[in-house]
Amino acid sequence: MSAPIRQFASGATRDTDTDKIDFEGFLSPLVIERFGEYMHLKRRLPDGSYRESDNWQLGIPLKDYMKSGFRHFRDWWRAHRGYGTKSGDDVETELCALIFNASGYLHELLKAKQCQEAAPWCSWMVRGFVAAQEVDVSMRHGQSHPMAAEALRDEYSRDDNSTGV
């Protein structure tokens, strides 16, 4: 069975867009512009130079996105309740920061998912990344984390023929 066809006043025809994702409709140009302005301001480094706009895509630990995102959520919530923000930033800035942290967290999850779907053997990288985050948290608190250390040892000492699945 062929897909339904739309016909325009000009005579042009095209398939329907009923089952297609409507990115244009789901996003707001106002929000995208404001978010871009926020991100551009955050590119400037203390020495006056600028980091690349996609620098964050190199990888930021999930725990850092969560902690930062929660602080910005708290400030947004405080402002919503009439208490103002602790940071002193306006609500737009807090929302842009929250969008950044949520997007970055989702980006890392989707990268890991694509990696596992494309090549199941790369799941050792994902588990190693998670274990390394656990080790980092433990070490910052002056603790050892035997499970994370064991996971890293096991994952990085595996034989190359293992699928990791």
N, C-alpha and C. Protein backbone atom coordinates (compact mmCIF):
# COMPACT_ATOMS: atom_id res chain seq x y z
N MET A 1 0.85 -1.18 0.00
CA MET A 1 0.00 0.00 0.00
C MET A 1 0.89 1.24 0.00
N SER A 2 0.60 2.18 -0.85
CA SER A 2 1.42 3.39 -0.93
C SER A 2 0.96 4.41 0.11
N ALA A 3 1.89 5.27 0.49
CA ALA A 3 1.62 6.29 1.49
C ALA A 3 0.72 7.37 0.91
N PRO A 4 -0.12 7.99 1.75
CA PRO A 4 -0.97 9.09 1.27
C PRO A 4 -0.10 10.23 0.73
N ILE A 5 -0.62 10.92 -0.26
CA ILE A 5 0.10 12.02 -0.90
C ILE A 5 -0.67 13.32 -0.68
N ARG A 6 0.06 14.40 -0.41
CA ARG A 6 -0.53 15.73 -0.32
C ARG A 6 -0.35 16.41 -1.67
N GLN A 7 -1.34 17.20 -2.06
CA GLN A 7 -1.19 18.00 -3.27
C GLN A 7 -1.38 19.46 -2.89
N PHE A 8 -0.41 20.29 -3.31
CA PHE A 8 -0.42 21.71 -2.98
C PHE A 8 -1.10 22.49 -4.09
N ALA A 9 -1.52 23.74 -3.79
CA ALA A 9 -2.19 24.60 -4.77
C ALA A 9 -1.35 24.77 -6.03
N SER A 10 -0.05 24.71 -5.89
CA SER A 10 0.85 24.87 -7.04
C SER A 10 0.84 23.65 -7.96
N GLY A 11 0.27 22.56 -7.46
CA GLY A 11 0.28 21.31 -8.22
C GLY A 11 1.35 20.34 -7.74
N ALA A 12 2.28 20.83 -6.93
CA ALA A 12 3.33 19.96 -6.40
C ALA A 12 2.72 18.93 -5.46
N THR A 13 3.33 17.77 -5.41
CA THR A 13 2.86 16.72 -4.51
C THR A 13 3.99 16.28 -3.59
N ARG A 14 3.56 15.76 -2.47
CA ARG A 14 4.54 15.30 -1.49
C ARG A 14 3.83 14.34 -0.55
N ASP A 15 4.60 13.39 0.03
CA ASP A 15 4.00 12.48 1.00
C ASP A 15 3.60 13.28 2.24
N THR A 16 2.77 12.69 3.06
CA THR A 16 2.33 13.40 4.27
C THR A 16 3.45 13.41 5.30
N ASP A 17 3.34 14.34 6.24
CA ASP A 17 4.35 14.42 7.29
C ASP A 17 3.80 13.93 8.63
N THR A 18 2.69 13.21 8.59
CA THR A 18 2.02 12.75 9.80
C THR A 18 2.93 11.94 10.72
N ASP A 19 3.71 11.04 10.16
CA ASP A 19 4.56 10.17 10.98
C ASP A 19 6.00 10.65 11.08
N LYS A 20 6.26 11.90 10.72
CA LYS A 20 7.62 12.43 10.77
C LYS A 20 7.77 13.34 11.98
N ILE A 21 8.95 13.30 12.58
CA ILE A 21 9.22 14.14 13.75
C ILE A 21 9.23 15.60 13.32
N ASP A 22 8.49 16.42 14.04
CA ASP A 22 8.36 17.84 13.71
C ASP A 22 9.31 18.67 14.58
N PHE A 23 10.60 18.62 14.25
CA PHE A 23 11.59 19.35 15.04
C PHE A 23 11.26 20.84 15.10
N GLU A 24 10.84 21.41 14.00
CA GLU A 24 10.53 22.84 13.95
C GLU A 24 9.41 23.18 14.93
N GLY A 25 8.43 22.32 15.03
CA GLY A 25 7.32 22.57 15.93
C GLY A 25 7.65 22.33 17.39
N PHE A 26 8.60 21.43 17.64
CA PHE A 26 8.94 21.09 19.02
C PHE A 26 9.89 22.08 19.67
N LEU A 27 10.56 22.89 18.87
CA LEU A 27 11.55 23.83 19.41
C LEU A 27 11.08 25.26 19.22
N SER A 28 11.54 26.14 20.07
CA SER A 28 11.20 27.56 19.99
C SER A 28 12.43 28.34 19.53
N PRO A 29 12.31 29.14 18.47
CA PRO A 29 13.47 29.93 18.05
C PRO A 29 13.90 30.92 19.14
N LEU A 30 12.96 31.39 19.94
CA LEU A 30 13.31 32.31 21.03
C LEU A 30 14.21 31.62 22.06
N VAL A 31 13.85 30.39 22.40
CA VAL A 31 14.63 29.64 23.39
C VAL A 31 16.00 29.28 22.81
N ILE A 32 16.04 28.83 21.56
CA ILE A 32 17.31 28.47 20.93
C ILE A 32 18.24 29.68 20.86
N GLU A 33 17.69 30.85 20.50
CA GLU A 33 18.52 32.07 20.44
C GLU A 33 19.06 32.43 21.82
N ARG A 34 18.20 32.41 22.84
CA ARG A 34 18.65 32.78 24.19
C ARG A 34 19.67 31.78 24.71
N PHE A 35 19.45 30.50 24.45
CA PHE A 35 20.39 29.48 24.88
C PHE A 35 21.74 29.67 24.18
N GLY A 36 21.71 29.99 22.89
CA GLY A 36 22.95 30.26 22.16
C GLY A 36 23.71 31.44 22.74
N GLU A 37 22.99 32.48 23.11
CA GLU A 37 23.62 33.66 23.74
C GLU A 37 24.28 33.26 25.06
N TYR A 38 23.56 32.48 25.85
CA TYR A 38 24.10 32.01 27.13
C TYR A 38 25.37 31.19 26.91
N MET A 39 25.29 30.24 25.99
CA MET A 39 26.45 29.38 25.73
C MET A 39 27.64 30.18 25.21
N HIS A 40 27.37 31.16 24.37
CA HIS A 40 28.47 31.97 23.85
C HIS A 40 29.17 32.72 24.99
N LEU A 41 28.40 33.26 25.92
CA LEU A 41 29.00 33.95 27.07
C LEU A 41 29.87 33.01 27.90
N LYS A 42 29.46 31.76 27.99
CA LYS A 42 30.19 30.78 28.79
C LYS A 42 31.45 30.26 28.09
N ARG A 43 31.64 30.60 26.83
CA ARG A 43 32.84 30.16 26.09
C ARG A 43 34.09 30.90 26.54
N ARG A 44 33.91 32.10 27.04
CA ARG A 44 35.07 32.95 27.39
C ARG A 44 35.77 32.40 28.62
N LEU A 45 37.07 32.21 28.50
CA LEU A 45 37.90 31.68 29.59
C LEU A 45 38.53 32.84 30.37
N PRO A 46 39.00 32.58 31.59
CA PRO A 46 39.57 33.65 32.42
C PRO A 46 40.70 34.43 31.74
N ASP A 47 41.45 33.78 30.85
CA ASP A 47 42.56 34.48 30.18
C ASP A 47 42.11 35.29 28.97
N GLY A 48 40.79 35.31 28.71
CA GLY A 48 40.25 36.08 27.59
C GLY A 48 40.08 35.30 26.31
N SER A 49 40.64 34.10 26.26
CA SER A 49 40.47 33.26 25.06
C SER A 49 39.10 32.59 25.11
N TYR A 50 38.76 31.93 24.02
CA TYR A 50 37.46 31.25 23.93
C TYR A 50 37.66 29.76 23.70
N ARG A 51 36.87 28.97 24.40
CA ARG A 51 36.88 27.52 24.14
C ARG A 51 35.98 27.26 22.94
N GLU A 52 36.16 26.12 22.30
CA GLU A 52 35.32 25.73 21.17
C GLU A 52 33.87 25.58 21.65
N SER A 53 32.94 25.89 20.80
CA SER A 53 31.52 25.82 21.19
C SER A 53 31.09 24.40 21.52
N ASP A 54 31.74 23.41 20.91
CA ASP A 54 31.35 22.02 21.16
C ASP A 54 32.28 21.33 22.17
N ASN A 55 33.03 22.10 22.92
CA ASN A 55 33.97 21.57 23.90
C ASN A 55 33.30 20.59 24.86
N TRP A 56 32.10 20.87 25.27
CA TRP A 56 31.38 20.02 26.23
C TRP A 56 31.14 18.62 25.67
N GLN A 57 31.13 18.48 24.34
CA GLN A 57 30.88 17.17 23.74
C GLN A 57 32.07 16.22 23.88
N LEU A 58 33.20 16.74 24.36
CA LEU A 58 34.36 15.88 24.61
C LEU A 58 34.08 14.94 25.78
N GLY A 59 33.12 15.30 26.61
CA GLY A 59 32.73 14.43 27.72
C GLY A 59 32.88 15.10 29.07
N ILE A 60 31.80 15.18 29.77
CA ILE A 60 31.76 15.68 31.15
C ILE A 60 31.07 14.59 31.95
N PRO A 61 31.61 14.22 33.11
CA PRO A 61 30.99 13.16 33.89
C PRO A 61 29.53 13.47 34.25
N LEU A 62 28.72 12.44 34.24
CA LEU A 62 27.29 12.58 34.55
C LEU A 62 27.08 13.24 35.91
N LYS A 63 27.90 12.88 36.88
CA LYS A 63 27.74 13.44 38.23
C LYS A 63 27.89 14.95 38.23
N ASP A 64 28.77 15.47 37.36
CA ASP A 64 28.97 16.92 37.29
C ASP A 64 27.77 17.61 36.67
N TYR A 65 27.20 16.99 35.62
CA TYR A 65 25.97 17.54 35.04
C TYR A 65 24.86 17.54 36.09
N MET A 66 24.74 16.45 36.85
CA MET A 66 23.67 16.34 37.85
C MET A 66 23.82 17.38 38.95
N LYS A 67 25.01 17.51 39.50
CA LYS A 67 25.21 18.46 40.60
C LYS A 67 24.97 19.90 40.14
N SER A 68 25.50 20.26 38.98
CA SER A 68 25.31 21.61 38.46
C SER A 68 23.84 21.84 38.11
N GLY A 69 23.24 20.87 37.44
CA GLY A 69 21.83 21.00 37.06
C GLY A 69 20.93 21.17 38.27
N PHE A 70 21.24 20.44 39.34
CA PHE A 70 20.40 20.54 40.53
C PHE A 70 20.51 21.92 41.16
N ARG A 71 21.73 22.48 41.17
CA ARG A 71 21.89 23.85 41.72
C ARG A 71 21.07 24.85 40.91
N HIS A 72 21.10 24.72 39.58
CA HIS A 72 20.36 25.66 38.74
C HIS A 72 18.85 25.43 38.87
N PHE A 73 18.44 24.17 39.01
CA PHE A 73 17.02 23.89 39.25
C PHE A 73 16.57 24.54 40.55
N ARG A 74 17.40 24.39 41.59
CA ARG A 74 17.06 24.99 42.88
C ARG A 74 16.87 26.50 42.75
N ASP A 75 17.76 27.18 42.03
CA ASP A 75 17.64 28.63 41.86
C ASP A 75 16.40 29.00 41.05
N TRP A 76 16.10 28.22 40.02
CA TRP A 76 14.88 28.47 39.23
C TRP A 76 13.66 28.31 40.13
N TRP A 77 13.65 27.26 40.93
CA TRP A 77 12.53 26.99 41.83
C TRP A 77 12.40 28.11 42.87
N ARG A 78 13.52 28.53 43.46
CA ARG A 78 13.48 29.64 44.43
C ARG A 78 12.87 30.89 43.80
N ALA A 79 13.33 31.21 42.58
CA ALA A 79 12.81 32.41 41.90
C ALA A 79 11.32 32.25 41.61
N HIS A 80 10.92 31.06 41.20
CA HIS A 80 9.51 30.79 40.92
C HIS A 80 8.65 31.00 42.16
N ARG A 81 9.19 30.64 43.32
CA ARG A 81 8.46 30.79 44.58
C ARG A 81 8.60 32.19 45.18
N GLY A 82 9.32 33.08 44.47
CA GLY A 82 9.43 34.46 44.93
C GLY A 82 10.59 34.76 45.85
N TYR A 83 11.53 33.84 45.98
CA TYR A 83 12.66 34.03 46.89
C TYR A 83 13.93 34.52 46.20
N GLY A 84 13.91 34.65 44.90
CA GLY A 84 15.12 35.04 44.17
C GLY A 84 16.10 33.89 44.07
N THR A 85 17.15 34.11 43.31
CA THR A 85 18.15 33.06 43.14
C THR A 85 19.31 33.28 44.11
N LYS A 86 19.93 32.21 44.56
CA LYS A 86 21.11 32.33 45.40
C LYS A 86 22.30 32.80 44.58
N SER A 87 22.32 32.46 43.30
CA SER A 87 23.45 32.81 42.44
C SER A 87 23.46 34.28 42.06
N GLY A 88 22.30 34.92 42.13
CA GLY A 88 22.20 36.30 41.69
C GLY A 88 21.89 36.42 40.21
N ASP A 89 21.89 35.30 39.50
CA ASP A 89 21.55 35.32 38.07
C ASP A 89 20.04 35.40 37.90
N ASP A 90 19.61 35.88 36.73
CA ASP A 90 18.18 35.94 36.46
C ASP A 90 17.65 34.55 36.09
N VAL A 91 16.34 34.43 36.04
CA VAL A 91 15.71 33.14 35.77
C VAL A 91 16.08 32.61 34.38
N GLU A 92 16.18 33.50 33.39
CA GLU A 92 16.57 33.05 32.05
C GLU A 92 17.92 32.34 32.08
N THR A 93 18.86 32.93 32.79
CA THR A 93 20.20 32.34 32.88
C THR A 93 20.15 31.00 33.58
N GLU A 94 19.38 30.91 34.67
CA GLU A 94 19.25 29.64 35.39
C GLU A 94 18.63 28.57 34.50
N LEU A 95 17.62 28.95 33.72
CA LEU A 95 16.98 27.98 32.82
C LEU A 95 17.94 27.54 31.72
N CYS A 96 18.72 28.46 31.18
CA CYS A 96 19.71 28.09 30.16
C CYS A 96 20.74 27.13 30.74
N ALA A 97 21.17 27.37 31.97
CA ALA A 97 22.13 26.48 32.62
C ALA A 97 21.51 25.11 32.85
N LEU A 98 20.24 25.09 33.23
CA LEU A 98 19.54 23.83 33.43
C LEU A 98 19.41 23.07 32.11
N ILE A 99 19.07 23.77 31.03
CA ILE A 99 18.99 23.15 29.71
C ILE A 99 20.35 22.56 29.33
N PHE A 100 21.43 23.32 29.57
CA PHE A 100 22.77 22.83 29.25
C PHE A 100 23.06 21.53 29.98
N ASN A 101 22.81 21.50 31.29
CA ASN A 101 23.12 20.32 32.08
C ASN A 101 22.25 19.12 31.70
N ALA A 102 20.97 19.35 31.47
CA ALA A 102 20.09 18.26 31.06
C ALA A 102 20.49 17.75 29.67
N SER A 103 20.81 18.66 28.76
CA SER A 103 21.22 18.26 27.41
C SER A 103 22.53 17.50 27.43
N GLY A 104 23.48 17.98 28.23
CA GLY A 104 24.77 17.30 28.33
C GLY A 104 24.63 15.90 28.91
N TYR A 105 23.81 15.76 29.93
CA TYR A 105 23.56 14.46 30.55
C TYR A 105 22.94 13.52 29.52
N LEU A 106 21.91 14.01 28.82
CA LEU A 106 21.26 13.19 27.80
C LEU A 106 22.23 12.84 26.69
N HIS A 107 23.08 13.79 26.29
CA HIS A 107 24.08 13.54 25.25
C HIS A 107 24.98 12.37 25.63
N GLU A 108 25.45 12.35 26.88
CA GLU A 108 26.32 11.25 27.33
C GLU A 108 25.58 9.92 27.34
N LEU A 109 24.32 9.92 27.77
CA LEU A 109 23.54 8.68 27.76
C LEU A 109 23.34 8.16 26.34
N LEU A 110 23.02 9.07 25.41
CA LEU A 110 22.79 8.67 24.02
C LEU A 110 24.07 8.20 23.35
N LYS A 111 25.20 8.84 23.66
CA LYS A 111 26.48 8.38 23.12
C LYS A 111 26.76 6.95 23.56
N ALA A 112 26.56 6.67 24.84
CA ALA A 112 26.80 5.33 25.37
C ALA A 112 25.86 4.32 24.72
N LYS A 113 24.60 4.71 24.55
CA LYS A 113 23.62 3.82 23.93
C LYS A 113 24.00 3.52 22.49
N GLN A 114 24.38 4.54 21.73
CA GLN A 114 24.79 4.33 20.33
C GLN A 114 26.02 3.45 20.26
N CYS A 115 26.94 3.67 21.16
CA CYS A 115 28.16 2.87 21.18
C CYS A 115 27.80 1.40 21.39
N GLN A 116 26.95 1.11 22.34
CA GLN A 116 26.58 -0.27 22.63
C GLN A 116 25.78 -0.89 21.49
N GLU A 117 24.92 -0.10 20.85
CA GLU A 117 24.13 -0.64 19.74
C GLU A 117 25.00 -0.89 18.52
N ALA A 118 25.96 -0.01 18.26
CA ALA A 118 26.81 -0.13 17.08
C ALA A 118 27.84 -1.23 17.24
N ALA A 119 28.37 -1.35 18.42
CA ALA A 119 29.44 -2.33 18.66
C ALA A 119 29.33 -2.81 20.10
N PRO A 120 28.66 -3.93 20.31
CA PRO A 120 28.46 -4.42 21.68
C PRO A 120 29.75 -4.55 22.48
N TRP A 121 30.87 -4.78 21.80
CA TRP A 121 32.14 -4.91 22.52
C TRP A 121 32.55 -3.61 23.21
N CYS A 122 31.99 -2.49 22.77
CA CYS A 122 32.42 -1.23 23.39
C CYS A 122 31.73 -0.99 24.73
N SER A 123 30.88 -1.90 25.17
CA SER A 123 30.23 -1.71 26.46
C SER A 123 31.25 -1.65 27.59
N TRP A 124 32.42 -2.26 27.38
CA TRP A 124 33.47 -2.17 28.42
C TRP A 124 33.89 -0.72 28.61
N MET A 125 33.86 0.08 27.54
CA MET A 125 34.22 1.49 27.65
C MET A 125 33.21 2.22 28.52
N VAL A 126 31.94 1.92 28.30
CA VAL A 126 30.88 2.58 29.05
C VAL A 126 30.99 2.20 30.53
N ARG A 127 31.14 0.90 30.80
CA ARG A 127 31.26 0.47 32.20
C ARG A 127 32.52 1.06 32.84
N GLY A 128 33.59 1.13 32.07
CA GLY A 128 34.83 1.74 32.58
C GLY A 128 34.64 3.20 32.89
N PHE A 129 33.88 3.91 32.05
CA PHE A 129 33.60 5.33 32.26
C PHE A 129 32.82 5.52 33.55
N VAL A 130 31.80 4.69 33.75
CA VAL A 130 30.99 4.78 34.97
C VAL A 130 31.84 4.44 36.19
N ALA A 131 32.64 3.38 36.10
CA ALA A 131 33.49 3.00 37.22
C ALA A 131 34.49 4.10 37.54
N ALA A 132 35.04 4.72 36.51
CA ALA A 132 36.00 5.80 36.73
C ALA A 132 35.33 6.97 37.45
N GLN A 133 34.07 7.24 37.14
CA GLN A 133 33.35 8.30 37.84
C GLN A 133 33.20 7.95 39.31
N GLU A 134 32.92 6.67 39.60
CA GLU A 134 32.77 6.25 40.98
C GLU A 134 34.09 6.38 41.73
N VAL A 135 35.19 6.01 41.07
CA VAL A 135 36.50 6.14 41.69
C VAL A 135 36.79 7.61 41.97
N ASP A 136 36.47 8.48 41.02
CA ASP A 136 36.70 9.91 41.19
C ASP A 136 35.95 10.44 42.40
N VAL A 137 34.69 10.07 42.54
CA VAL A 137 33.88 10.52 43.68
C VAL A 137 34.50 10.02 44.98
N SER A 138 34.87 8.74 45.02
CA SER A 138 35.45 8.17 46.24
C SER A 138 36.76 8.85 46.60
N MET A 139 37.60 9.07 45.62
CA MET A 139 38.91 9.65 45.89
C MET A 139 38.77 11.09 46.37
N ARG A 140 37.78 11.82 45.85
CA ARG A 140 37.58 13.20 46.30
C ARG A 140 37.15 13.22 47.76
N HIS A 141 36.55 12.13 48.22
CA HIS A 141 36.11 12.06 49.62
C HIS A 141 37.12 11.30 50.48
N GLY A 142 38.30 11.05 49.92
CA GLY A 142 39.35 10.38 50.67
C GLY A 142 39.05 8.93 50.97
N GLN A 143 38.20 8.31 50.18
CA GLN A 143 37.82 6.92 50.41
C GLN A 143 38.30 6.06 49.26
N SER A 144 38.45 4.79 49.53
CA SER A 144 38.71 3.87 48.42
C SER A 144 37.36 3.34 47.98
N HIS A 145 37.29 2.90 46.79
CA HIS A 145 36.04 2.35 46.27
C HIS A 145 36.37 1.01 45.62
N PRO A 146 36.36 -0.08 46.42
CA PRO A 146 36.81 -1.36 45.90
C PRO A 146 36.00 -1.85 44.71
N MET A 147 34.70 -1.59 44.69
CA MET A 147 33.90 -2.07 43.55
C MET A 147 34.32 -1.36 42.27
N ALA A 148 34.53 -0.05 42.35
CA ALA A 148 34.93 0.69 41.16
C ALA A 148 36.33 0.29 40.72
N ALA A 149 37.23 0.15 41.68
CA ALA A 149 38.60 -0.26 41.33
C ALA A 149 38.59 -1.64 40.71
N GLU A 150 37.79 -2.55 41.27
CA GLU A 150 37.68 -3.90 40.72
C GLU A 150 37.09 -3.87 39.32
N ALA A 151 36.08 -3.05 39.12
CA ALA A 151 35.46 -2.95 37.79
C ALA A 151 36.47 -2.44 36.77
N LEU A 152 37.24 -1.44 37.14
CA LEU A 152 38.27 -0.92 36.22
C LEU A 152 39.31 -1.99 35.92
N ARG A 153 39.78 -2.68 36.97
CA ARG A 153 40.79 -3.72 36.77
C ARG A 153 40.26 -4.80 35.84
N ASP A 154 39.03 -5.26 36.11
CA ASP A 154 38.45 -6.31 35.28
C ASP A 154 38.25 -5.86 33.84
N GLU A 155 37.75 -4.66 33.66
CA GLU A 155 37.44 -4.19 32.31
C GLU A 155 38.69 -3.94 31.48
N TYR A 156 39.73 -3.42 32.10
CA TYR A 156 40.92 -3.07 31.34
C TYR A 156 41.93 -4.20 31.24
N SER A 157 41.68 -5.30 31.94
CA SER A 157 42.60 -6.43 31.83
C SER A 157 41.98 -7.57 31.03
N ARG A 158 40.83 -7.32 30.42
CA ARG A 158 40.14 -8.36 29.67
C ARG A 158 40.89 -8.69 28.40
N ASP A 159 40.70 -9.91 27.94
CA ASP A 159 41.37 -10.29 26.69
C ASP A 159 40.63 -9.68 25.52
N ASP A 160 41.35 -9.34 24.48
CA ASP A 160 40.81 -8.60 23.34
C ASP A 160 39.71 -9.32 22.59
N ASN A 161 39.58 -10.63 22.76
CA ASN A 161 38.55 -11.38 22.04
C ASN A 161 37.21 -11.36 22.74
N SER A 162 37.16 -10.80 23.93
CA SER A 162 35.92 -10.77 24.69
C SER A 162 34.95 -9.77 24.07
N THR A 163 33.68 -10.10 24.11
CA THR A 163 32.67 -9.20 23.55
C THR A 163 32.24 -8.15 24.55
N GLY A 164 32.42 -8.41 25.83
CA GLY A 164 32.02 -7.44 26.85
C GLY A 164 30.52 -7.39 27.05
N VAL A 165 29.79 -8.31 26.45
CA VAL A 165 28.33 -8.29 26.57
C VAL A 165 27.90 -9.20 27.67
